[in-house]
Amino acid sequence: MRLFAIGLGCLMAWSACAAPVDVRGIRTWPAPDHTRIVLDINRPVEYALFVLRNPDRVVIDLRDARLLKRLPKARPGDRLLAGIRAAQRKSSKQGRDGTGKNLRVVLDMKQRVRPKSFLLKPNAKYGHRLVVDVSPLGGEPPRQVARKPGADSAPKGNRQVVVAVDAGHGGEDPGAIARSGIREKDVVLAISRALKRRIDRTPGMKAVLIRDGDYYIGLRRRTEIARRHDADLFVSVHADAFRDPRVRGSSVYILSPRGASSEAARWLARQENAADFVGGVSIDDKDNLLASVLVDLQQTATLNASAEVGGEVLSALRGVGRTHKRRIEKAGFLVLKSPDIPSILVETGFLTNPSDAKRLSNPNYQEKVARAILNGIHRYFDANPLPGTLFAATRRHTIARGETLSEIAQRYRVSVKRLRDANQIRGSVIRAGEVLRIPGRSDG
């Protein structure tokens, strides 16, 4: 079986390319469901890619190319890549000066794989690249089915709230880089891991890390992973960058209305895919009008929830340090576009600001940021408990000095009468320090 891919970078101008293409290095990035192999090259290259069996390997033939650096070893724990070999091969067009030799790179695999390749143009961080992604031939690796939470730390029938924590960037995408060399992908992974630890220690809550290593995951794939784990909230953690190093402080983003509209159109255009659903309701069998109404209703509720939890998190971050803006901001970030999962993006600070960069590299400060994000999330679910969760069953409020019943009822979105009935309050006097039971939506 052979699969071919042709890079067209130099096809039209091949005769003009006198010097061979330099392969300046090869990098590998193993992820749970694929491995990415990146060849750093000095200019576009013509190449052919195919698969061989017995043993399983992926072969990349680069026309008129040469390898300048030693080959890397496969990373420990890589479940797909066993090793990399390379050799120069004579070409029928080889010249007397030795140009025209082809370079063959062989990827020895541990199992059958399906390769996908593409060329990338230079950006601010890298030059030309040839990228090869290999995935198991049978599809994705066996998925770890999200264990239905609640069996260990919550009473029967009261499930845990699931929070998907997404560390931005990863792998060959470092994100923002401070002048000191601190990389965004490392900082946000550390904060995300700290946030997961804190969430998992909180009764009624459970966290799922979208990325738990130094590898890259596509933006839409991140929300797919969150949906696969039945996430109730998606939190993407980043660190900002700006041309002015004086700009600093944290901020919180939610999806902009324009971004929501474009995503709704995308979902409606893919109605034929039965896997696309909104709020647990399949839209593949609905007419266009009804499907549009369902998506619009779900997105409105999701955006409202995103705005509320984003406001709570931003308020909590003010207790840690300076915030960049006083209000949550709106943008068209792709990772925020899930129509059925409230989603926020937390910019924890500016790595281009020396003070922010120094703090963000400090493990103690990373823990403070994680604690603030958790506090905001916790306050949101306290005030907006999901039916069937431990939050809905055990909501309590300790009365602060100066608070009134009407203020407490407004905060938790219940009527004063229901609050009185749930706590058997007959008069209007309440005392600071007393603990009130907050009735859930299912209470009578």
Foldseek 3Di string as FASTA:
>chain_A
DWDWDWFCFCVVPVVVPDAAKEQAAWDWDADQFKIKIKTAIQGTWTWIWIWDVPPTKIKIKTWQYDYDDDYDADDPPRQWFHGKDKDWAADPPQDPVRTGIIMMMMTGTPAHWDKDWDWDDDDPPGHIMIMIMIGHPVHTPDDDQQDFAAPPQHPPLATAAEEEEEEPDFAPGQDDAFPVGDTFSVLSLLLSVLLQVVQVPDRRHHYDYLGNHRHDDDLVVSVVVCVSNVHQEYEYETAAADPDLVQKAKAKEAADPVLQVVLLVVLLVVLCPQVDDAPPHRNVPPDSVVSSVRLVVLQVVLRVLLQQLRQLLVVLRVVLDHHRDPGHHHDNDSNNHDSHHNYMYMHGMYSHHVVSVVLSVDSVSSSSSSVSSVRSNVLSCCLVPDPSHPSQVFRKDAAAPPDFLCVVCVSSVHDSVVQCVQAVPDDRDDDGGDMGGDHHPPDD
